[in-house]
Amino acid sequence: MAETKALATVSEAVVAQVNALLPDANAGNPGALAELRSALDAHPELWGEVGNVARQAELALVRAVAGHNGVAKEAIIRRLDTLRQELARPAPTPLELLVVDRVVVGWLAVAVAEGAYHQSLERGIHHADDEFHQRRVERAQRRYLAAIKALATVRRLGVPALQVNIGEKQINVAR
């Protein structure tokens, strides 16, 4: 499991126990699955980590970029966490948090696609490969911009509007 803030509240012994059970539980061992359920039920924050598919996908993208470079991996994760904090307003709604995560992953995906494209340019690429990389960057950019637009929409919808009726005239004010 990847180390996150949620795991910081769990003892190293519990994390080690869960990590030790994972291979047998993944193989379908009923005893290991029962022990794993018990350990995870005792620490619900671990269920959130193990079951957070979006975070696992994000970490897979980080591993793809950083490879075996632990410093790069840590730096990228910290940058993503900082970006996530910058984008989330005080007391964000669960929906807003989901969309903020999409914006953050979108930002990383665009950076990864751009980086791969620029590296291929340095190596000298064929026309077909150039087209592939450009399509990859454009698609990542479209998903990123769609996530930004979704975040703006969620925030706009979450803002209470004030309606005032004066005589026969209606005035709507969005705050």
N, C-alpha and C. Protein backbone atom coordinates (compact mmCIF):
# COMPACT_ATOMS: atom_id res chain seq x y z
N MET A 1 0.85 -1.19 0.00
CA MET A 1 0.00 0.00 0.00
C MET A 1 0.89 1.24 0.00
N ALA A 2 0.41 2.28 -0.62
CA ALA A 2 1.14 3.54 -0.64
C ALA A 2 0.90 4.27 0.68
N GLU A 3 1.92 4.96 1.14
CA GLU A 3 1.83 5.71 2.39
C GLU A 3 1.09 7.01 2.14
N THR A 4 0.03 7.26 2.91
CA THR A 4 -0.73 8.50 2.79
C THR A 4 -1.03 9.03 4.18
N LYS A 5 -1.69 10.20 4.21
CA LYS A 5 -2.03 10.81 5.50
C LYS A 5 -2.96 9.91 6.31
N ALA A 6 -3.87 9.21 5.66
CA ALA A 6 -4.80 8.33 6.37
C ALA A 6 -4.05 7.22 7.09
N LEU A 7 -2.96 6.75 6.49
CA LEU A 7 -2.19 5.68 7.11
C LEU A 7 -1.34 6.18 8.27
N ALA A 8 -1.12 7.48 8.34
CA ALA A 8 -0.30 8.04 9.41
C ALA A 8 -0.94 7.82 10.78
N THR A 9 -2.25 7.62 10.82
CA THR A 9 -2.94 7.41 12.09
C THR A 9 -2.94 5.95 12.52
N VAL A 10 -2.44 5.06 11.67
CA VAL A 10 -2.44 3.63 11.94
C VAL A 10 -1.03 3.21 12.32
N SER A 11 -0.92 2.34 13.31
CA SER A 11 0.40 1.92 13.76
C SER A 11 1.13 1.15 12.66
N GLU A 12 2.44 1.18 12.74
CA GLU A 12 3.25 0.45 11.76
C GLU A 12 2.98 -1.04 11.85
N ALA A 13 2.68 -1.54 13.05
CA ALA A 13 2.40 -2.97 13.22
C ALA A 13 1.14 -3.38 12.46
N VAL A 14 0.11 -2.53 12.48
CA VAL A 14 -1.14 -2.84 11.77
C VAL A 14 -0.89 -2.80 10.27
N VAL A 15 -0.17 -1.79 9.81
CA VAL A 15 0.13 -1.69 8.38
C VAL A 15 0.95 -2.91 7.94
N ALA A 16 1.92 -3.31 8.76
CA ALA A 16 2.73 -4.50 8.44
C ALA A 16 1.86 -5.75 8.41
N GLN A 17 0.92 -5.86 9.36
CA GLN A 17 0.02 -7.01 9.39
C GLN A 17 -0.82 -7.07 8.12
N VAL A 18 -1.39 -5.92 7.74
CA VAL A 18 -2.22 -5.87 6.53
C VAL A 18 -1.39 -6.20 5.30
N ASN A 19 -0.20 -5.62 5.20
CA ASN A 19 0.67 -5.90 4.05
C ASN A 19 1.06 -7.37 3.99
N ALA A 20 1.25 -8.01 5.15
CA ALA A 20 1.60 -9.43 5.19
C ALA A 20 0.43 -10.30 4.73
N LEU A 21 -0.79 -9.86 5.02
CA LEU A 21 -1.98 -10.63 4.65
C LEU A 21 -2.36 -10.47 3.17
N LEU A 22 -1.97 -9.37 2.56
CA LEU A 22 -2.41 -9.07 1.20
C LEU A 22 -2.10 -10.16 0.16
N PRO A 23 -0.88 -10.71 0.11
CA PRO A 23 -0.62 -11.72 -0.92
C PRO A 23 -1.54 -12.95 -0.81
N ASP A 24 -1.71 -13.46 0.41
CA ASP A 24 -2.59 -14.63 0.59
C ASP A 24 -4.05 -14.27 0.34
N ALA A 25 -4.46 -13.08 0.80
CA ALA A 25 -5.85 -12.65 0.58
C ALA A 25 -6.11 -12.47 -0.91
N ASN A 26 -5.16 -11.88 -1.62
CA ASN A 26 -5.29 -11.70 -3.08
C ASN A 26 -5.37 -13.04 -3.79
N ALA A 27 -4.72 -14.05 -3.23
CA ALA A 27 -4.74 -15.39 -3.83
C ALA A 27 -6.04 -16.13 -3.51
N GLY A 28 -6.89 -15.52 -2.66
CA GLY A 28 -8.18 -16.13 -2.34
C GLY A 28 -8.19 -17.00 -1.09
N ASN A 29 -7.15 -16.96 -0.29
CA ASN A 29 -7.08 -17.74 0.95
C ASN A 29 -8.17 -17.23 1.90
N PRO A 30 -9.17 -18.09 2.24
CA PRO A 30 -10.29 -17.64 3.08
C PRO A 30 -9.85 -17.17 4.47
N GLY A 31 -8.87 -17.84 5.06
CA GLY A 31 -8.38 -17.43 6.39
C GLY A 31 -7.73 -16.05 6.34
N ALA A 32 -6.91 -15.84 5.32
CA ALA A 32 -6.25 -14.54 5.17
C ALA A 32 -7.27 -13.45 4.88
N LEU A 33 -8.28 -13.75 4.06
CA LEU A 33 -9.34 -12.77 3.79
C LEU A 33 -10.09 -12.40 5.06
N ALA A 34 -10.39 -13.39 5.90
CA ALA A 34 -11.10 -13.13 7.16
C ALA A 34 -10.25 -12.27 8.08
N GLU A 35 -8.96 -12.59 8.18
CA GLU A 35 -8.05 -11.79 9.02
C GLU A 35 -7.92 -10.37 8.48
N LEU A 36 -7.85 -10.26 7.17
CA LEU A 36 -7.73 -8.95 6.54
C LEU A 36 -8.97 -8.11 6.81
N ARG A 37 -10.15 -8.73 6.64
CA ARG A 37 -11.40 -8.01 6.94
C ARG A 37 -11.42 -7.52 8.38
N SER A 38 -11.01 -8.39 9.28
CA SER A 38 -11.00 -8.03 10.70
C SER A 38 -10.05 -6.85 10.96
N ALA A 39 -8.86 -6.90 10.39
CA ALA A 39 -7.88 -5.81 10.58
C ALA A 39 -8.39 -4.51 9.97
N LEU A 40 -8.99 -4.62 8.78
CA LEU A 40 -9.50 -3.41 8.12
C LEU A 40 -10.74 -2.86 8.82
N ASP A 41 -11.59 -3.76 9.37
CA ASP A 41 -12.75 -3.29 10.12
C ASP A 41 -12.34 -2.55 11.38
N ALA A 42 -11.23 -2.98 11.98
CA ALA A 42 -10.73 -2.31 13.18
C ALA A 42 -10.13 -0.95 12.85
N HIS A 43 -9.78 -0.74 11.59
CA HIS A 43 -9.18 0.53 11.13
C HIS A 43 -9.83 0.94 9.81
N PRO A 44 -11.04 1.52 9.89
CA PRO A 44 -11.80 1.87 8.67
C PRO A 44 -11.04 2.78 7.71
N GLU A 45 -10.12 3.57 8.21
CA GLU A 45 -9.36 4.45 7.32
C GLU A 45 -8.53 3.64 6.32
N LEU A 46 -8.19 2.40 6.69
CA LEU A 46 -7.46 1.54 5.76
C LEU A 46 -8.34 1.07 4.61
N TRP A 47 -9.63 0.82 4.90
CA TRP A 47 -10.56 0.45 3.82
C TRP A 47 -10.58 1.56 2.78
N GLY A 48 -10.60 2.79 3.25
CA GLY A 48 -10.62 3.93 2.33
C GLY A 48 -9.40 3.97 1.44
N GLU A 49 -8.25 3.58 1.99
CA GLU A 49 -7.02 3.57 1.19
C GLU A 49 -7.00 2.41 0.21
N VAL A 50 -7.31 1.23 0.71
CA VAL A 50 -7.27 0.04 -0.14
C VAL A 50 -8.32 0.15 -1.25
N GLY A 51 -9.49 0.71 -0.92
CA GLY A 51 -10.57 0.79 -1.89
C GLY A 51 -10.60 2.05 -2.72
N ASN A 52 -9.65 2.95 -2.53
CA ASN A 52 -9.63 4.21 -3.27
C ASN A 52 -8.98 3.98 -4.64
N VAL A 53 -9.79 3.53 -5.57
CA VAL A 53 -9.29 3.18 -6.90
C VAL A 53 -8.73 4.40 -7.62
N ALA A 54 -9.34 5.55 -7.42
CA ALA A 54 -8.85 6.77 -8.06
C ALA A 54 -7.44 7.10 -7.57
N ARG A 55 -7.23 6.96 -6.26
CA ARG A 55 -5.89 7.24 -5.70
C ARG A 55 -4.88 6.21 -6.21
N GLN A 56 -5.32 4.96 -6.32
CA GLN A 56 -4.42 3.92 -6.84
C GLN A 56 -4.03 4.22 -8.29
N ALA A 57 -4.98 4.69 -9.07
CA ALA A 57 -4.68 5.05 -10.47
C ALA A 57 -3.71 6.23 -10.51
N GLU A 58 -3.94 7.20 -9.63
CA GLU A 58 -3.04 8.36 -9.56
C GLU A 58 -1.63 7.92 -9.22
N LEU A 59 -1.51 7.03 -8.23
CA LEU A 59 -0.19 6.54 -7.82
C LEU A 59 0.46 5.71 -8.92
N ALA A 60 -0.33 5.00 -9.71
CA ALA A 60 0.22 4.25 -10.85
C ALA A 60 0.83 5.21 -11.87
N LEU A 61 0.16 6.34 -12.10
CA LEU A 61 0.69 7.34 -13.01
C LEU A 61 1.96 7.96 -12.45
N VAL A 62 1.98 8.19 -11.14
CA VAL A 62 3.19 8.72 -10.49
C VAL A 62 4.35 7.72 -10.65
N ARG A 63 4.07 6.43 -10.42
CA ARG A 63 5.11 5.41 -10.58
C ARG A 63 5.60 5.33 -12.02
N ALA A 64 4.69 5.52 -12.97
CA ALA A 64 5.08 5.49 -14.38
C ALA A 64 6.03 6.64 -14.70
N VAL A 65 5.83 7.78 -14.06
CA VAL A 65 6.68 8.94 -14.30
C VAL A 65 7.99 8.82 -13.53
N ALA A 66 7.90 8.47 -12.25
CA ALA A 66 9.07 8.49 -11.37
C ALA A 66 9.91 7.22 -11.47
N GLY A 67 9.29 6.12 -11.91
CA GLY A 67 10.03 4.86 -11.96
C GLY A 67 10.49 4.46 -10.56
N HIS A 68 11.76 4.14 -10.44
CA HIS A 68 12.31 3.72 -9.15
C HIS A 68 12.93 4.88 -8.38
N ASN A 69 12.75 6.09 -8.87
CA ASN A 69 13.32 7.27 -8.23
C ASN A 69 12.41 7.71 -7.08
N GLY A 70 12.78 7.34 -5.86
CA GLY A 70 11.97 7.65 -4.69
C GLY A 70 11.81 9.13 -4.43
N VAL A 71 12.85 9.90 -4.71
CA VAL A 71 12.79 11.35 -4.50
C VAL A 71 11.79 11.97 -5.47
N ALA A 72 11.86 11.57 -6.72
CA ALA A 72 10.91 12.10 -7.72
C ALA A 72 9.49 11.71 -7.35
N LYS A 73 9.29 10.47 -6.93
CA LYS A 73 7.95 10.00 -6.54
C LYS A 73 7.42 10.85 -5.40
N GLU A 74 8.22 11.06 -4.37
CA GLU A 74 7.79 11.85 -3.22
C GLU A 74 7.50 13.29 -3.63
N ALA A 75 8.34 13.86 -4.47
CA ALA A 75 8.15 15.25 -4.92
C ALA A 75 6.86 15.39 -5.73
N ILE A 76 6.59 14.43 -6.60
CA ILE A 76 5.36 14.50 -7.41
C ILE A 76 4.14 14.36 -6.52
N ILE A 77 4.17 13.42 -5.59
CA ILE A 77 3.03 13.24 -4.67
C ILE A 77 2.79 14.49 -3.85
N ARG A 78 3.87 15.10 -3.39
CA ARG A 78 3.71 16.35 -2.61
C ARG A 78 3.15 17.47 -3.47
N ARG A 79 3.59 17.55 -4.73
CA ARG A 79 3.06 18.58 -5.62
C ARG A 79 1.57 18.36 -5.87
N LEU A 80 1.17 17.10 -6.07
CA LEU A 80 -0.24 16.79 -6.28
C LEU A 80 -1.06 17.13 -5.04
N ASP A 81 -0.53 16.80 -3.87
CA ASP A 81 -1.24 17.12 -2.63
C ASP A 81 -1.37 18.63 -2.42
N THR A 82 -0.31 19.37 -2.77
CA THR A 82 -0.36 20.83 -2.67
C THR A 82 -1.40 21.40 -3.63
N LEU A 83 -1.39 20.90 -4.85
CA LEU A 83 -2.37 21.36 -5.85
C LEU A 83 -3.79 21.05 -5.38
N ARG A 84 -3.97 19.87 -4.82
CA ARG A 84 -5.29 19.46 -4.29
C ARG A 84 -5.74 20.43 -3.18
N GLN A 85 -4.83 20.79 -2.29
CA GLN A 85 -5.16 21.73 -1.21
C GLN A 85 -5.46 23.12 -1.74
N GLU A 86 -4.72 23.54 -2.75
CA GLU A 86 -4.95 24.86 -3.33
C GLU A 86 -6.31 24.95 -4.02
N LEU A 87 -6.72 23.85 -4.64
CA LEU A 87 -7.98 23.86 -5.37
C LEU A 87 -9.20 23.69 -4.48
N ALA A 88 -9.05 22.97 -3.39
CA ALA A 88 -10.19 22.71 -2.50
C ALA A 88 -10.42 23.93 -1.62
N ARG A 89 -11.66 24.36 -1.58
CA ARG A 89 -12.02 25.49 -0.71
C ARG A 89 -12.19 24.99 0.72
N PRO A 90 -12.26 25.89 1.67
CA PRO A 90 -12.56 25.45 3.03
C PRO A 90 -13.92 24.74 3.05
N ALA A 91 -13.98 23.63 3.75
CA ALA A 91 -15.20 22.81 3.88
C ALA A 91 -15.78 22.43 2.52
N PRO A 92 -14.99 21.80 1.66
CA PRO A 92 -15.51 21.41 0.35
C PRO A 92 -16.54 20.28 0.48
N THR A 93 -17.45 20.22 -0.47
CA THR A 93 -18.44 19.15 -0.48
C THR A 93 -17.76 17.88 -1.01
N PRO A 94 -18.34 16.71 -0.73
CA PRO A 94 -17.76 15.47 -1.28
C PRO A 94 -17.68 15.50 -2.81
N LEU A 95 -18.69 16.07 -3.46
CA LEU A 95 -18.66 16.17 -4.92
C LEU A 95 -17.51 17.06 -5.38
N GLU A 96 -17.31 18.16 -4.70
CA GLU A 96 -16.22 19.06 -5.06
C GLU A 96 -14.87 18.34 -4.91
N LEU A 97 -14.72 17.56 -3.84
CA LEU A 97 -13.47 16.82 -3.64
C LEU A 97 -13.22 15.82 -4.77
N LEU A 98 -14.28 15.16 -5.23
CA LEU A 98 -14.13 14.22 -6.34
C LEU A 98 -13.66 14.93 -7.60
N VAL A 99 -14.24 16.09 -7.86
CA VAL A 99 -13.88 16.82 -9.08
C VAL A 99 -12.48 17.42 -8.95
N VAL A 100 -12.13 17.88 -7.76
CA VAL A 100 -10.77 18.39 -7.54
C VAL A 100 -9.76 17.27 -7.84
N ASP A 101 -10.05 16.05 -7.39
CA ASP A 101 -9.16 14.93 -7.70
C ASP A 101 -9.01 14.74 -9.20
N ARG A 102 -10.10 14.89 -9.96
CA ARG A 102 -10.04 14.75 -11.41
C ARG A 102 -9.17 15.85 -12.02
N VAL A 103 -9.27 17.07 -11.49
CA VAL A 103 -8.44 18.17 -12.00
C VAL A 103 -6.97 17.87 -11.73
N VAL A 104 -6.66 17.39 -10.54
CA VAL A 104 -5.28 17.10 -10.17
C VAL A 104 -4.70 15.99 -11.05
N VAL A 105 -5.44 14.92 -11.21
CA VAL A 105 -4.96 13.82 -12.07
C VAL A 105 -4.86 14.29 -13.52
N GLY A 106 -5.80 15.13 -13.94
CA GLY A 106 -5.75 15.67 -15.29
C GLY A 106 -4.50 16.50 -15.51
N TRP A 107 -4.16 17.31 -14.51
CA TRP A 107 -2.94 18.12 -14.60
C TRP A 107 -1.72 17.22 -14.77
N LEU A 108 -1.66 16.16 -13.96
CA LEU A 108 -0.54 15.23 -14.05
C LEU A 108 -0.51 14.52 -15.41
N ALA A 109 -1.66 14.10 -15.88
CA ALA A 109 -1.73 13.39 -17.17
C ALA A 109 -1.25 14.29 -18.31
N VAL A 110 -1.62 15.56 -18.29
CA VAL A 110 -1.15 16.49 -19.32
C VAL A 110 0.37 16.64 -19.23
N ALA A 111 0.87 16.79 -18.02
CA ALA A 111 2.32 16.94 -17.84
C ALA A 111 3.06 15.70 -18.31
N VAL A 112 2.53 14.53 -18.01
CA VAL A 112 3.16 13.28 -18.44
C VAL A 112 3.14 13.17 -19.96
N ALA A 113 2.00 13.47 -20.58
CA ALA A 113 1.89 13.38 -22.03
C ALA A 113 2.82 14.38 -22.70
N GLU A 114 2.86 15.60 -22.18
CA GLU A 114 3.76 16.61 -22.74
C GLU A 114 5.22 16.18 -22.58
N GLY A 115 5.54 15.65 -21.40
CA GLY A 115 6.92 15.20 -21.16
C GLY A 115 7.33 14.09 -22.11
N ALA A 116 6.45 13.12 -22.32
CA ALA A 116 6.75 12.02 -23.25
C ALA A 116 6.92 12.55 -24.67
N TYR A 117 6.08 13.49 -25.04
CA TYR A 117 6.18 14.08 -26.38
C TYR A 117 7.51 14.80 -26.56
N HIS A 118 7.89 15.60 -25.59
CA HIS A 118 9.14 16.36 -25.70
C HIS A 118 10.36 15.45 -25.67
N GLN A 119 10.28 14.38 -24.89
CA GLN A 119 11.39 13.42 -24.88
C GLN A 119 11.52 12.74 -26.25
N SER A 120 10.38 12.42 -26.86
CA SER A 120 10.44 11.78 -28.17
C SER A 120 10.98 12.75 -29.22
N LEU A 121 10.68 14.04 -29.07
CA LEU A 121 11.22 15.03 -30.00
C LEU A 121 12.74 15.09 -29.89
N GLU A 122 13.25 15.00 -28.66
CA GLU A 122 14.70 15.02 -28.45
C GLU A 122 15.38 13.83 -29.12
N ARG A 123 14.69 12.69 -29.13
CA ARG A 123 15.26 11.47 -29.73
C ARG A 123 15.09 11.47 -31.24
N GLY A 124 14.23 12.32 -31.73
CA GLY A 124 13.93 12.33 -33.16
C GLY A 124 12.89 11.27 -33.46
N ILE A 125 11.70 11.69 -33.81
CA ILE A 125 10.61 10.73 -34.01
C ILE A 125 10.08 10.79 -35.43
N HIS A 126 9.42 9.71 -35.81
CA HIS A 126 8.79 9.63 -37.13
C HIS A 126 7.46 10.36 -37.09
N HIS A 127 6.95 10.65 -38.26
CA HIS A 127 5.69 11.39 -38.39
C HIS A 127 4.54 10.69 -37.65
N ALA A 128 4.43 9.38 -37.79
CA ALA A 128 3.34 8.63 -37.14
C ALA A 128 3.43 8.74 -35.62
N ASP A 129 4.65 8.67 -35.11
CA ASP A 129 4.82 8.80 -33.66
C ASP A 129 4.51 10.22 -33.20
N ASP A 130 4.86 11.19 -34.02
CA ASP A 130 4.55 12.57 -33.70
C ASP A 130 3.04 12.76 -33.59
N GLU A 131 2.30 12.22 -34.54
CA GLU A 131 0.83 12.30 -34.50
C GLU A 131 0.27 11.61 -33.25
N PHE A 132 0.81 10.45 -32.92
CA PHE A 132 0.38 9.73 -31.73
C PHE A 132 0.54 10.59 -30.49
N HIS A 133 1.72 11.16 -30.32
CA HIS A 133 1.99 11.98 -29.14
C HIS A 133 1.11 13.23 -29.10
N GLN A 134 0.91 13.85 -30.24
CA GLN A 134 0.07 15.04 -30.26
C GLN A 134 -1.38 14.70 -29.89
N ARG A 135 -1.88 13.57 -30.39
CA ARG A 135 -3.24 13.14 -30.02
C ARG A 135 -3.32 12.84 -28.53
N ARG A 136 -2.28 12.21 -28.01
CA ARG A 136 -2.25 11.89 -26.58
C ARG A 136 -2.30 13.17 -25.74
N VAL A 137 -1.50 14.16 -26.11
CA VAL A 137 -1.49 15.43 -25.39
C VAL A 137 -2.85 16.11 -25.51
N GLU A 138 -3.40 16.14 -26.72
CA GLU A 138 -4.70 16.81 -26.92
C GLU A 138 -5.80 16.14 -26.11
N ARG A 139 -5.83 14.83 -26.07
CA ARG A 139 -6.85 14.12 -25.30
C ARG A 139 -6.69 14.38 -23.80
N ALA A 140 -5.46 14.35 -23.33
CA ALA A 140 -5.22 14.63 -21.91
C ALA A 140 -5.64 16.07 -21.58
N GLN A 141 -5.32 16.99 -22.49
CA GLN A 141 -5.71 18.39 -22.29
C GLN A 141 -7.23 18.54 -22.26
N ARG A 142 -7.93 17.84 -23.16
CA ARG A 142 -9.40 17.91 -23.18
C ARG A 142 -9.99 17.40 -21.87
N ARG A 143 -9.47 16.26 -21.38
CA ARG A 143 -9.97 15.73 -20.11
C ARG A 143 -9.69 16.68 -18.96
N TYR A 144 -8.51 17.28 -18.97
CA TYR A 144 -8.12 18.24 -17.93
C TYR A 144 -9.04 19.46 -17.95
N LEU A 145 -9.26 20.03 -19.12
CA LEU A 145 -10.14 21.19 -19.23
C LEU A 145 -11.58 20.85 -18.87
N ALA A 146 -12.02 19.63 -19.22
CA ALA A 146 -13.38 19.20 -18.84
C ALA A 146 -13.50 19.10 -17.33
N ALA A 147 -12.44 18.62 -16.68
CA ALA A 147 -12.46 18.53 -15.21
C ALA A 147 -12.50 19.93 -14.58
N ILE A 148 -11.75 20.86 -15.15
CA ILE A 148 -11.76 22.24 -14.65
C ILE A 148 -13.15 22.84 -14.82
N LYS A 149 -13.75 22.61 -15.98
CA LYS A 149 -15.10 23.12 -16.23
C LYS A 149 -16.09 22.49 -15.25
N ALA A 150 -15.95 21.19 -14.99
CA ALA A 150 -16.84 20.51 -14.04
C ALA A 150 -16.68 21.10 -12.64
N LEU A 151 -15.45 21.41 -12.26
CA LEU A 151 -15.23 22.01 -10.94
C LEU A 151 -15.91 23.38 -10.87
N ALA A 152 -15.77 24.18 -11.91
CA ALA A 152 -16.43 25.48 -11.93
C ALA A 152 -17.95 25.32 -11.86
N THR A 153 -18.47 24.33 -12.55
CA THR A 153 -19.92 24.08 -12.53
C THR A 153 -20.38 23.65 -11.15
N VAL A 154 -19.65 22.73 -10.53
CA VAL A 154 -20.01 22.26 -9.19
C VAL A 154 -20.00 23.43 -8.21
N ARG A 155 -19.00 24.27 -8.32
CA ARG A 155 -18.92 25.42 -7.41
C ARG A 155 -20.05 26.41 -7.68
N ARG A 156 -20.37 26.61 -8.93
CA ARG A 156 -21.45 27.54 -9.28
C ARG A 156 -22.79 27.00 -8.78
N LEU A 157 -23.01 25.71 -8.93
CA LEU A 157 -24.27 25.11 -8.49
C LEU A 157 -24.38 25.08 -6.97
N GLY A 158 -23.24 25.03 -6.30
CA GLY A 158 -23.26 24.99 -4.84
C GLY A 158 -23.43 26.34 -4.18
N VAL A 159 -23.40 27.41 -4.97
CA VAL A 159 -23.54 28.76 -4.43
C VAL A 159 -25.02 29.09 -4.30
N PRO A 160 -25.44 29.45 -3.11
CA PRO A 160 -26.85 29.80 -2.96
C PRO A 160 -27.17 31.10 -3.69
N ALA A 161 -28.31 31.12 -4.32
CA ALA A 161 -28.76 32.33 -5.03
C ALA A 161 -29.82 33.02 -4.19
N LEU A 162 -29.91 34.31 -4.33
CA LEU A 162 -30.87 35.10 -3.59
C LEU A 162 -31.89 35.64 -4.60
N GLN A 163 -33.16 35.41 -4.32
CA GLN A 163 -34.21 35.89 -5.21
C GLN A 163 -35.03 36.92 -4.44
N VAL A 164 -35.17 38.08 -5.04
CA VAL A 164 -35.92 39.16 -4.42
C VAL A 164 -37.02 39.58 -5.38
N ASN A 165 -38.24 39.65 -4.88
CA ASN A 165 -39.36 40.11 -5.69
C ASN A 165 -39.76 41.50 -5.18
N ILE A 166 -39.64 42.47 -6.07
CA ILE A 166 -40.03 43.84 -5.74
C ILE A 166 -41.14 44.21 -6.72
N GLY A 167 -42.33 44.28 -6.17
CA GLY A 167 -43.47 44.53 -7.04
C GLY A 167 -43.61 43.37 -8.00
N GLU A 168 -43.61 43.70 -9.29
CA GLU A 168 -43.74 42.66 -10.30
C GLU A 168 -42.38 42.29 -10.89
N LYS A 169 -41.32 42.92 -10.40
CA LYS A 169 -39.99 42.64 -10.92
C LYS A 169 -39.29 41.63 -10.03
N GLN A 170 -38.63 40.68 -10.66
CA GLN A 170 -37.87 39.68 -9.94
C GLN A 170 -36.40 39.94 -10.16
N ILE A 171 -35.63 39.93 -9.08
CA ILE A 171 -34.19 40.14 -9.17
C ILE A 171 -33.50 38.91 -8.59
N ASN A 172 -32.62 38.29 -9.37
CA ASN A 172 -31.84 37.14 -8.91
C ASN A 172 -30.40 37.58 -8.72
N VAL A 173 -29.86 37.29 -7.56
CA VAL A 173 -28.49 37.66 -7.26
C VAL A 173 -27.75 36.40 -6.84
N ALA A 174 -26.69 36.06 -7.55
CA ALA A 174 -25.87 34.91 -7.16
C ALA A 174 -24.71 35.42 -6.31
N ARG A 175 -24.46 34.73 -5.25
CA ARG A 175 -23.36 35.15 -4.37
C ARG A 175 -22.18 34.25 -4.57
